[in-house]
Amino acid sequence: MYRFLLTPRWWGINLFVVLAIPFCVFMGTWQLGRFEDRVQTHDAAEKQPAPGSRPAKPIDDLLPVDTVTSGRPATATGRYADQFLVPGRKLDDRSGFYVLNMLRTDSGKALPVVRGWLPGKPGSTAVPAAPTGEVTVTGDLQASENAGTPGVDTAGGLPDGQLGMISAASLVNLVPYDVYDAWVTLQDTGAEAQAGTGDKAADALRPVPAAMAQGTGLDLKAFQNLGYTGEWFVFAGFVLFMWFRLVRREAEAARDLQLGLVPEAEATSEAESGSGSGSGKDAVGTGAA
């Protein structure tokens, strides 16, 4: 009754099933591994001391920025140079902008320093002047931003003196000196003012909290991996279910033919119609995968 499984048409169906099921299981296992990696990274980050509670270190000792050094206090000494305003940044659900200054260090490289946040739009809000002379700053270390960072403006077309993304790749096109592939955000703007000119207007700047390192939180992407895991396993089960369904339909058609319940031409037509419709459904399911 099951000799039809050895026909050329069923060889093609069987080959598809044999290849599709392991592929779906492999993809589901891979997505599950991605989710577990994110969970382990999150747990490891939770067990570590708060980055801000660790002693400050020179900027060069903490580079390159990774999940361990991100958020740690970094120190650098130099003189403030170019200033940029970073629009479209929110703090406590209020719209505003960052005030970023380039700190020229003795090494010749410049460290982007976010001195603070101001409400409003650049040009309509007075910006406190940066301290003059040599200053030593201590700020929470952050990795360069990218297109996926919240608040980043990748559309371009900003006025002179404004910056859409805090990254070395963006800044090297705007300043004539080397730039660190990192930036710091000051948490004590008052101390900065006292170290420089003593301008109390700098107290208007609000500190920008350090963001969590990318890949250390259980964000939407982590649960997307978990959802994709379920989808791939469902696809594998669907392929197996459709294969059994087609086999059963073909076997029933062969049995009816042996018993003389249907003419041979009609049984063959029904079997081929069932296999064709089932294969189409399999193709749709596989395409969705």
C-alpha atoms as a PDB file:
ATOM      1  CA  MET A   1       0.000   0.000   0.000  1.00  0.00           C
ATOM      2  CA  TYR A   2       2.909   2.341   0.676  1.00  0.00           C
ATOM      3  CA  ARG A   3       4.872   1.517  -2.447  1.00  0.00           C
ATOM      4  CA  PHE A   4       3.963   4.977  -3.761  1.00  0.00           C
ATOM      5  CA  LEU A   5       6.624   6.374  -1.397  1.00  0.00           C
ATOM      6  CA  LEU A   6       9.244   5.020  -3.798  1.00  0.00           C
ATOM      7  CA  THR A   7       7.890   6.835  -6.848  1.00  0.00           C
ATOM      8  CA  PRO A   8       9.905   9.765  -8.292  1.00  0.00           C
ATOM      9  CA  ARG A   9       7.234  12.259  -7.203  1.00  0.00           C
ATOM     10  CA  TRP A  10       7.390  11.087  -3.599  1.00  0.00           C
ATOM     11  CA  TRP A  11      11.170  10.991  -3.646  1.00  0.00           C
ATOM     12  CA  GLY A  12      11.018  14.739  -4.221  1.00  0.00           C
ATOM     13  CA  ILE A  13       8.511  15.220  -1.395  1.00  0.00           C
ATOM     14  CA  ASN A  14      10.527  13.060   0.993  1.00  0.00           C
ATOM     15  CA  LEU A  15      13.749  14.865   0.151  1.00  0.00           C
ATOM     16  CA  PHE A  16      12.107  18.216   0.862  1.00  0.00           C
ATOM     17  CA  VAL A  17      10.875  16.982   4.265  1.00  0.00           C
ATOM     18  CA  VAL A  18      14.247  15.458   5.173  1.00  0.00           C
ATOM     19  CA  LEU A  19      15.993  18.764   4.423  1.00  0.00           C
ATOM     20  CA  ALA A  20      13.326  21.159   5.746  1.00  0.00           C
ATOM     21  CA  ILE A  21      12.896  19.687   9.235  1.00  0.00           C
ATOM     22  CA  PRO A  22      16.599  19.723  10.249  1.00  0.00           C
ATOM     23  CA  PHE A  23      16.937  23.227   8.800  1.00  0.00           C
ATOM     24  CA  CYS A  24      13.993  24.498  10.876  1.00  0.00           C
ATOM     25  CA  VAL A  25      15.339  22.787  14.009  1.00  0.00           C
ATOM     26  CA  PHE A  26      18.802  24.245  13.407  1.00  0.00           C
ATOM     27  CA  MET A  27      17.446  27.775  12.948  1.00  0.00           C
ATOM     28  CA  GLY A  28      15.246  27.454  16.032  1.00  0.00           C
ATOM     29  CA  THR A  29      18.181  26.218  18.107  1.00  0.00           C
ATOM     30  CA  TRP A  30      20.348  29.069  16.828  1.00  0.00           C
ATOM     31  CA  GLN A  31      17.736  31.670  17.773  1.00  0.00           C
ATOM     32  CA  LEU A  32      17.375  30.054  21.200  1.00  0.00           C
ATOM     33  CA  GLY A  33      21.138  30.273  21.640  1.00  0.00           C
ATOM     34  CA  ARG A  34      21.042  33.970  20.801  1.00  0.00           C
ATOM     35  CA  PHE A  35      18.371  34.515  23.458  1.00  0.00           C
ATOM     36  CA  GLU A  36      20.333  32.539  26.066  1.00  0.00           C
ATOM     37  CA  ASP A  37      23.482  34.547  25.291  1.00  0.00           C
ATOM     38  CA  ARG A  38      21.575  37.778  25.907  1.00  0.00           C
ATOM     39  CA  VAL A  39      20.211  36.425  29.187  1.00  0.00           C
ATOM     40  CA  GLN A  40      23.689  35.392  30.360  1.00  0.00           C
ATOM     41  CA  THR A  41      25.148  38.770  29.382  1.00  0.00           C
ATOM     42  CA  HIS A  42      22.357  40.533  31.253  1.00  0.00           C
ATOM     43  CA  ASP A  43      22.898  38.387  34.361  1.00  0.00           C
ATOM     44  CA  ALA A  44      26.640  39.043  34.269  1.00  0.00           C
ATOM     45  CA  ALA A  45      26.034  42.794  33.979  1.00  0.00           C
ATOM     46  CA  GLU A  46      23.589  42.685  36.904  1.00  0.00           C
ATOM     47  CA  LYS A  47      26.158  40.971  39.133  1.00  0.00           C
ATOM     48  CA  GLN A  48      28.868  43.524  38.442  1.00  0.00           C
ATOM     49  CA  PRO A  49      29.143  46.631  40.623  1.00  0.00           C
ATOM     50  CA  ALA A  50      27.465  49.746  39.292  1.00  0.00           C
ATOM     51  CA  PRO A  51      29.857  51.325  36.770  1.00  0.00           C
ATOM     52  CA  GLY A  52      29.644  54.716  38.460  1.00  0.00           C
ATOM     53  CA  SER A  53      30.692  53.253  41.810  1.00  0.00           C
ATOM     54  CA  ARG A  54      34.090  52.129  40.514  1.00  0.00           C
ATOM     55  CA  PRO A  55      37.185  54.292  40.810  1.00  0.00           C
ATOM     56  CA  ALA A  56      37.944  56.579  37.891  1.00  0.00           C
ATOM     57  CA  LYS A  57      40.734  55.621  35.513  1.00  0.00           C
ATOM     58  CA  PRO A  58      42.518  57.455  32.705  1.00  0.00           C
ATOM     59  CA  ILE A  59      40.606  57.259  29.431  1.00  0.00           C
ATOM     60  CA  ASP A  60      43.400  55.333  27.698  1.00  0.00           C
ATOM     61  CA  ASP A  61      43.214  52.553  30.307  1.00  0.00           C
ATOM     62  CA  LEU A  62      39.522  51.885  29.594  1.00  0.00           C
ATOM     63  CA  LEU A  63      39.613  51.651  25.807  1.00  0.00           C
ATOM     64  CA  PRO A  64      38.234  50.080  23.741  1.00  0.00           C
ATOM     65  CA  VAL A  65      34.774  50.443  25.234  1.00  0.00           C
ATOM     66  CA  ASP A  66      33.066  47.128  25.955  1.00  0.00           C
ATOM     67  CA  THR A  67      30.331  45.784  28.213  1.00  0.00           C
ATOM     68  CA  VAL A  68      32.724  45.930  31.192  1.00  0.00           C
ATOM     69  CA  THR A  69      34.140  49.432  30.765  1.00  0.00           C
ATOM     70  CA  SER A  70      30.991  51.106  29.447  1.00  0.00           C
ATOM     71  CA  GLY A  71      29.677  53.492  32.096  1.00  0.00           C
ATOM     72  CA  ARG A  72      32.880  53.502  34.156  1.00  0.00           C
ATOM     73  CA  PRO A  73      34.248  56.895  35.244  1.00  0.00           C
ATOM     74  CA  ALA A  74      37.096  58.016  32.991  1.00  0.00           C
ATOM     75  CA  THR A  75      39.418  60.956  33.495  1.00  0.00           C
ATOM     76  CA  ALA A  76      41.169  63.113  30.940  1.00  0.00           C
ATOM     77  CA  THR A  77      43.127  66.354  31.068  1.00  0.00           C
ATOM     78  CA  GLY A  78      43.276  68.958  28.354  1.00  0.00           C
ATOM     79  CA  ARG A  79      41.751  72.137  26.993  1.00  0.00           C
ATOM     80  CA  TYR A  80      38.300  72.563  25.520  1.00  0.00           C
ATOM     81  CA  ALA A  81      38.189  73.331  21.800  1.00  0.00           C
ATOM     82  CA  ASP A  82      35.312  73.020  19.328  1.00  0.00           C
ATOM     83  CA  GLN A  83      31.765  72.952  20.620  1.00  0.00           C
ATOM     84  CA  PHE A  84      28.794  71.146  19.060  1.00  0.00           C
ATOM     85  CA  LEU A  85      25.121  70.991  19.959  1.00  0.00           C
ATOM     86  CA  VAL A  86      23.370  67.650  19.595  1.00  0.00           C
ATOM     87  CA  PRO A  87      19.648  68.283  18.981  1.00  0.00           C
ATOM     88  CA  GLY A  88      16.706  65.952  19.450  1.00  0.00           C
ATOM     89  CA  ARG A  89      17.777  64.469  22.782  1.00  0.00           C
ATOM     90  CA  LYS A  90      15.293  63.832  25.582  1.00  0.00           C
ATOM     91  CA  LEU A  91      15.800  63.873  29.318  1.00  0.00           C
ATOM     92  CA  ASP A  92      12.937  63.023  31.688  1.00  0.00           C
ATOM     93  CA  ASP A  93      10.556  63.071  28.681  1.00  0.00           C
ATOM     94  CA  ARG A  94      11.532  66.664  27.857  1.00  0.00           C
ATOM     95  CA  SER A  95      12.989  67.621  24.503  1.00  0.00           C
ATOM     96  CA  GLY A  96      16.321  69.352  24.396  1.00  0.00           C
ATOM     97  CA  PHE A  97      19.901  69.000  23.241  1.00  0.00           C
ATOM     98  CA  TYR A  98      23.328  67.969  24.445  1.00  0.00           C
ATOM     99  CA  VAL A  99      26.210  70.416  24.777  1.00  0.00           C
ATOM    100  CA  LEU A 100      29.335  68.635  23.542  1.00  0.00           C
ATOM    101  CA  ASN A 101      32.867  70.002  23.645  1.00  0.00           C
ATOM    102  CA  MET A 102      36.039  68.495  22.255  1.00  0.00           C
ATOM    103  CA  LEU A 103      38.723  68.171  24.940  1.00  0.00           C
ATOM    104  CA  ARG A 104      42.165  68.420  23.322  1.00  0.00           C
ATOM    105  CA  THR A 105      44.498  66.201  25.377  1.00  0.00           C
ATOM    106  CA  ASP A 106      48.286  66.258  25.519  1.00  0.00           C
ATOM    107  CA  SER A 107      48.390  63.204  23.263  1.00  0.00           C
ATOM    108  CA  GLY A 108      46.934  65.282  20.439  1.00  0.00           C
ATOM    109  CA  LYS A 109      43.679  63.346  20.329  1.00  0.00           C
ATOM    110  CA  ALA A 110      40.426  64.944  21.392  1.00  0.00           C
ATOM    111  CA  LEU A 111      37.836  63.402  23.680  1.00  0.00           C
ATOM    112  CA  PRO A 112      34.169  64.273  23.037  1.00  0.00           C
ATOM    113  CA  VAL A 113      32.740  65.487  26.348  1.00  0.00           C
ATOM    114  CA  VAL A 114      28.995  65.943  26.856  1.00  0.00           C
ATOM    115  CA  ARG A 115      28.973  68.724  29.425  1.00  0.00           C
ATOM    116  CA  GLY A 116      25.239  68.445  29.950  1.00  0.00           C
ATOM    117  CA  TRP A 117      21.705  68.773  28.605  1.00  0.00           C
ATOM    118  CA  LEU A 118      19.593  71.881  28.041  1.00  0.00           C
ATOM    119  CA  PRO A 119      15.866  72.101  27.238  1.00  0.00           C
ATOM    120  CA  GLY A 120      14.580  73.657  24.042  1.00  0.00           C
ATOM    121  CA  LYS A 121      16.211  73.894  20.642  1.00  0.00           C
ATOM    122  CA  PRO A 122      19.735  74.924  19.694  1.00  0.00           C
ATOM    123  CA  GLY A 123      19.793  78.620  18.943  1.00  0.00           C
ATOM    124  CA  SER A 124      16.834  79.474  21.178  1.00  0.00           C
ATOM    125  CA  THR A 125      18.507  78.553  24.482  1.00  0.00           C
ATOM    126  CA  ALA A 126      21.591  80.228  25.917  1.00  0.00           C
ATOM    127  CA  VAL A 127      24.503  77.802  26.218  1.00  0.00           C
ATOM    128  CA  PRO A 128      26.941  78.263  29.132  1.00  0.00           C
ATOM    129  CA  ALA A 129      30.505  78.811  28.012  1.00  0.00           C
ATOM    130  CA  ALA A 130      32.993  76.005  28.496  1.00  0.00           C
ATOM    131  CA  PRO A 131      35.747  76.475  31.092  1.00  0.00           C
ATOM    132  CA  THR A 132      38.967  77.964  29.778  1.00  0.00           C
ATOM    133  CA  GLY A 133      42.484  76.839  30.485  1.00  0.00           C
ATOM    134  CA  GLU A 134      43.561  73.334  31.362  1.00  0.00           C
ATOM    135  CA  VAL A 135      40.885  71.204  33.028  1.00  0.00           C
ATOM    136  CA  THR A 136      40.653  67.636  34.268  1.00  0.00           C
ATOM    137  CA  VAL A 137      37.275  66.076  33.648  1.00  0.00           C
ATOM    138  CA  THR A 138      35.736  62.916  35.027  1.00  0.00           C
ATOM    139  CA  GLY A 139      32.826  61.468  33.114  1.00  0.00           C
ATOM    140  CA  ASP A 140      31.054  58.176  32.518  1.00  0.00           C
ATOM    141  CA  LEU A 141      32.528  56.402  29.507  1.00  0.00           C
ATOM    142  CA  GLN A 142      30.254  55.679  26.551  1.00  0.00           C
ATOM    143  CA  ALA A 143      30.767  53.892  23.240  1.00  0.00           C
ATOM    144  CA  SER A 144      30.409  55.837  20.006  1.00  0.00           C
ATOM    145  CA  GLU A 145      26.817  56.056  18.855  1.00  0.00           C
ATOM    146  CA  ASN A 146      25.502  54.353  15.743  1.00  0.00           C
ATOM    147  CA  ALA A 147      22.395  54.512  13.556  1.00  0.00           C
ATOM    148  CA  GLY A 148      20.492  52.315  16.021  1.00  0.00           C
ATOM    149  CA  THR A 149      21.124  54.502  19.066  1.00  0.00           C
ATOM    150  CA  PRO A 150      17.937  56.215  20.349  1.00  0.00           C
ATOM    151  CA  GLY A 151      17.810  59.918  19.489  1.00  0.00           C
ATOM    152  CA  VAL A 152      20.414  59.789  16.741  1.00  0.00           C
ATOM    153  CA  ASP A 153      19.724  61.936  13.676  1.00  0.00           C
ATOM    154  CA  THR A 154      20.982  60.227  10.531  1.00  0.00           C
ATOM    155  CA  ALA A 155      19.056  62.403   8.067  1.00  0.00           C
ATOM    156  CA  GLY A 156      21.799  65.026   7.914  1.00  0.00           C
ATOM    157  CA  GLY A 157      21.298  68.607   6.839  1.00  0.00           C
ATOM    158  CA  LEU A 158      21.898  70.052  10.301  1.00  0.00           C
ATOM    159  CA  PRO A 159      23.132  73.642  10.641  1.00  0.00           C
ATOM    160  CA  ASP A 160      26.794  74.351  11.298  1.00  0.00           C
ATOM    161  CA  GLY A 161      27.754  73.658  14.880  1.00  0.00           C
ATOM    162  CA  GLN A 162      25.207  70.860  15.296  1.00  0.00           C
ATOM    163  CA  LEU A 163      25.836  67.137  15.374  1.00  0.00           C
ATOM    164  CA  GLY A 164      23.405  64.285  14.812  1.00  0.00           C
ATOM    165  CA  MET A 165      25.520  61.396  16.088  1.00  0.00           C
ATOM    166  CA  ILE A 166      28.244  61.328  18.728  1.00  0.00           C
ATOM    167  CA  SER A 167      30.853  59.158  17.079  1.00  0.00           C
ATOM    168  CA  ALA A 168      34.437  59.413  15.947  1.00  0.00           C
ATOM    169  CA  ALA A 169      33.343  58.666  12.378  1.00  0.00           C
ATOM    170  CA  SER A 170      31.145  61.786  12.365  1.00  0.00           C
ATOM    171  CA  LEU A 171      33.529  64.075  14.206  1.00  0.00           C
ATOM    172  CA  VAL A 172      36.669  63.403  12.166  1.00  0.00           C
ATOM    173  CA  ASN A 173      34.949  65.119   9.250  1.00  0.00           C
ATOM    174  CA  LEU A 174      34.295  68.235  11.338  1.00  0.00           C
ATOM    175  CA  VAL A 175      37.527  68.800  13.259  1.00  0.00           C
ATOM    176  CA  PRO A 176      41.174  68.877  12.084  1.00  0.00           C
ATOM    177  CA  TYR A 177      42.521  66.492  14.743  1.00  0.00           C
ATOM    178  CA  ASP A 178      42.202  62.859  15.814  1.00  0.00           C
ATOM    179  CA  VAL A 179      39.229  61.858  17.947  1.00  0.00           C
ATOM    180  CA  TYR A 180      38.837  59.114  20.544  1.00  0.00           C
ATOM    181  CA  ASP A 181      36.425  56.374  19.526  1.00  0.00           C
ATOM    182  CA  ALA A 182      34.410  57.012  22.681  1.00  0.00           C
ATOM    183  CA  TRP A 183      32.895  59.885  24.640  1.00  0.00           C
ATOM    184  CA  VAL A 184      32.160  60.764  28.254  1.00  0.00           C
ATOM    185  CA  THR A 185      29.184  62.379  29.918  1.00  0.00           C
ATOM    186  CA  LEU A 186      29.848  64.588  32.946  1.00  0.00           C
ATOM    187  CA  GLN A 187      27.798  63.947  36.073  1.00  0.00           C
ATOM    188  CA  ASP A 188      29.034  66.975  38.028  1.00  0.00           C
ATOM    189  CA  THR A 189      28.734  70.135  35.968  1.00  0.00           C
ATOM    190  CA  GLY A 190      29.242  72.277  39.063  1.00  0.00           C
ATOM    191  CA  ALA A 191      32.663  70.762  39.693  1.00  0.00           C
ATOM    192  CA  GLU A 192      33.553  71.409  36.062  1.00  0.00           C
ATOM    193  CA  ALA A 193      32.693  75.090  36.419  1.00  0.00           C
ATOM    194  CA  GLN A 194      34.805  75.448  39.541  1.00  0.00           C
ATOM    195  CA  ALA A 195      37.761  73.728  37.845  1.00  0.00           C
ATOM    196  CA  GLY A 196      37.630  76.236  35.001  1.00  0.00           C
ATOM    197  CA  THR A 197      36.326  79.769  34.958  1.00  0.00           C
ATOM    198  CA  GLY A 198      34.038  79.418  37.939  1.00  0.00           C
ATOM    199  CA  ASP A 199      31.057  80.454  35.837  1.00  0.00           C
ATOM    200  CA  LYS A 200      27.982  79.532  37.912  1.00  0.00           C
ATOM    201  CA  ALA A 201      25.827  79.635  34.782  1.00  0.00           C
ATOM    202  CA  ALA A 202      27.161  76.175  34.014  1.00  0.00           C
ATOM    203  CA  ASP A 203      24.899  74.880  36.798  1.00  0.00           C
ATOM    204  CA  ALA A 204      22.019  75.211  34.312  1.00  0.00           C
ATOM    205  CA  LEU A 205      23.400  72.213  32.461  1.00  0.00           C
ATOM    206  CA  ARG A 206      21.754  68.997  33.574  1.00  0.00           C
ATOM    207  CA  PRO A 207      23.891  65.822  33.667  1.00  0.00           C
ATOM    208  CA  VAL A 208      23.156  63.214  31.010  1.00  0.00           C
ATOM    209  CA  PRO A 209      22.923  59.734  32.593  1.00  0.00           C
ATOM    210  CA  ALA A 210      25.160  57.062  31.109  1.00  0.00           C
ATOM    211  CA  ALA A 211      23.308  54.583  28.928  1.00  0.00           C
ATOM    212  CA  MET A 212      23.539  50.847  29.463  1.00  0.00           C
ATOM    213  CA  ALA A 213      25.997  49.092  27.179  1.00  0.00           C
ATOM    214  CA  GLN A 214      24.396  47.640  24.076  1.00  0.00           C
ATOM    215  CA  GLY A 215      23.652  43.944  24.264  1.00  0.00           C
ATOM    216  CA  THR A 216      23.505  43.770  28.079  1.00  0.00           C
ATOM    217  CA  GLY A 217      19.779  44.257  28.587  1.00  0.00           C
ATOM    218  CA  LEU A 218      16.740  42.058  27.977  1.00  0.00           C
ATOM    219  CA  ASP A 219      15.359  44.360  25.324  1.00  0.00           C
ATOM    220  CA  LEU A 220      12.876  43.759  22.513  1.00  0.00           C
ATOM    221  CA  LYS A 221      15.532  42.082  20.357  1.00  0.00           C
ATOM    222  CA  ALA A 222      16.103  39.425  23.012  1.00  0.00           C
ATOM    223  CA  PHE A 223      12.439  38.469  23.085  1.00  0.00           C
ATOM    224  CA  GLN A 224      12.325  38.591  19.293  1.00  0.00           C
ATOM    225  CA  ASN A 225      14.948  35.843  19.315  1.00  0.00           C
ATOM    226  CA  LEU A 226      12.709  33.829  21.634  1.00  0.00           C
ATOM    227  CA  GLY A 227       9.712  34.399  19.362  1.00  0.00           C
ATOM    228  CA  TYR A 228      11.673  33.321  16.278  1.00  0.00           C
ATOM    229  CA  THR A 229      12.682  30.169  18.150  1.00  0.00           C
ATOM    230  CA  GLY A 230       9.033  29.199  18.547  1.00  0.00           C
ATOM    231  CA  GLU A 231       8.261  30.016  14.918  1.00  0.00           C
ATOM    232  CA  TRP A 232      11.004  27.774  13.527  1.00  0.00           C
ATOM    233  CA  PHE A 233       9.921  24.837  15.694  1.00  0.00           C
ATOM    234  CA  VAL A 234       6.313  25.377  14.629  1.00  0.00           C
ATOM    235  CA  PHE A 235       7.414  25.328  10.980  1.00  0.00           C
ATOM    236  CA  ALA A 236       9.208  22.016  11.559  1.00  0.00           C
ATOM    237  CA  GLY A 237       6.079  20.529  13.111  1.00  0.00           C
ATOM    238  CA  PHE A 238       3.927  21.872  10.271  1.00  0.00           C
ATOM    239  CA  VAL A 239       6.131  20.251   7.615  1.00  0.00           C
ATOM    240  CA  LEU A 240       5.985  16.910   9.435  1.00  0.00           C
ATOM    241  CA  PHE A 241       2.209  17.185   9.889  1.00  0.00           C
ATOM    242  CA  MET A 242       1.640  17.912   6.200  1.00  0.00           C
ATOM    243  CA  TRP A 243       3.857  14.984   5.213  1.00  0.00           C
ATOM    244  CA  PHE A 244       1.798  12.565   7.330  1.00  0.00           C
ATOM    245  CA  ARG A 245      -1.385  14.053   5.960  1.00  0.00           C
ATOM    246  CA  LEU A 246      -0.270  13.557   2.364  1.00  0.00           C
ATOM    247  CA  VAL A 247       0.888   9.994   3.076  1.00  0.00           C
ATOM    248  CA  ARG A 248      -2.436   9.161   4.650  1.00  0.00           C
ATOM    249  CA  ARG A 249      -4.392  10.622   1.748  1.00  0.00           C
ATOM    250  CA  GLU A 250      -2.281   8.736  -0.786  1.00  0.00           C
ATOM    251  CA  ALA A 251      -2.600   5.492   1.186  1.00  0.00           C
ATOM    252  CA  GLU A 252      -6.376   5.871   1.375  1.00  0.00           C
ATOM    253  CA  ALA A 253      -6.520   6.445  -2.381  1.00  0.00           C
ATOM    254  CA  ALA A 254      -4.408   3.318  -2.974  1.00  0.00           C
ATOM    255  CA  ARG A 255      -6.625   1.272  -0.651  1.00  0.00           C
ATOM    256  CA  ASP A 256      -9.800   2.447  -2.359  1.00  0.00           C
ATOM    257  CA  LEU A 257      -8.278   1.506  -5.684  1.00  0.00           C
ATOM    258  CA  GLN A 258      -7.413  -1.987  -4.473  1.00  0.00           C
ATOM    259  CA  LEU A 259     -10.957  -2.471  -3.181  1.00  0.00           C
ATOM    260  CA  GLY A 260     -12.380  -1.256  -6.453  1.00  0.00           C
ATOM    261  CA  LEU A 261     -14.258   1.598  -4.770  1.00  0.00           C
ATOM    262  CA  VAL A 262     -13.054   4.172  -7.303  1.00  0.00           C
ATOM    263  CA  PRO A 263     -11.815   3.957 -10.884  1.00  0.00           C
ATOM    264  CA  GLU A 264      -8.013   4.014 -11.291  1.00  0.00           C
ATOM    265  CA  ALA A 265      -8.042   7.314 -13.167  1.00  0.00           C
ATOM    266  CA  GLU A 266     -10.123   9.008 -10.461  1.00  0.00           C
ATOM    267  CA  ALA A 267      -7.946   7.677  -7.632  1.00  0.00           C
ATOM    268  CA  THR A 268      -4.789   8.845  -9.372  1.00  0.00           C
ATOM    269  CA  SER A 269      -6.314  12.268  -9.979  1.00  0.00           C
ATOM    270  CA  GLU A 270      -7.378  12.642  -6.339  1.00  0.00           C
ATOM    271  CA  ALA A 271      -3.947  11.545  -5.046  1.00  0.00           C
ATOM    272  CA  GLU A 272      -2.105  13.959  -7.312  1.00  0.00           C
ATOM    273  CA  SER A 273      -4.516  16.775  -6.420  1.00  0.00           C
ATOM    274  CA  GLY A 274      -3.999  16.161  -2.698  1.00  0.00           C
ATOM    275  CA  SER A 275      -0.235  15.979  -3.040  1.00  0.00           C
ATOM    276  CA  GLY A 276      -0.152  19.124  -5.182  1.00  0.00           C
ATOM    277  CA  SER A 277      -2.250  21.150  -2.755  1.00  0.00           C
ATOM    278  CA  GLY A 278      -0.250  19.869   0.198  1.00  0.00           C
ATOM    279  CA  SER A 279       3.038  20.683  -1.510  1.00  0.00           C
ATOM    280  CA  GLY A 280       1.758  24.182  -2.176  1.00  0.00           C
ATOM    281  CA  LYS A 281       0.927  24.616   1.470  1.00  0.00           C
ATOM    282  CA  ASP A 282       4.343  23.315   2.421  1.00  0.00           C
ATOM    283  CA  ALA A 283       5.924  25.798   0.045  1.00  0.00           C
ATOM    284  CA  VAL A 284       3.945  28.648   1.631  1.00  0.00           C
ATOM    285  CA  GLY A 285       4.963  27.547   5.110  1.00  0.00           C
ATOM    286  CA  THR A 286       8.576  27.225   4.108  1.00  0.00           C
ATOM    287  CA  GLY A 287       8.516  30.589   2.412  1.00  0.00           C
ATOM    288  CA  ALA A 288       7.222  32.131   5.603  1.00  0.00           C
ATOM    289  CA  ALA A 289      10.105  30.566   7.434  1.00  0.00           C
END
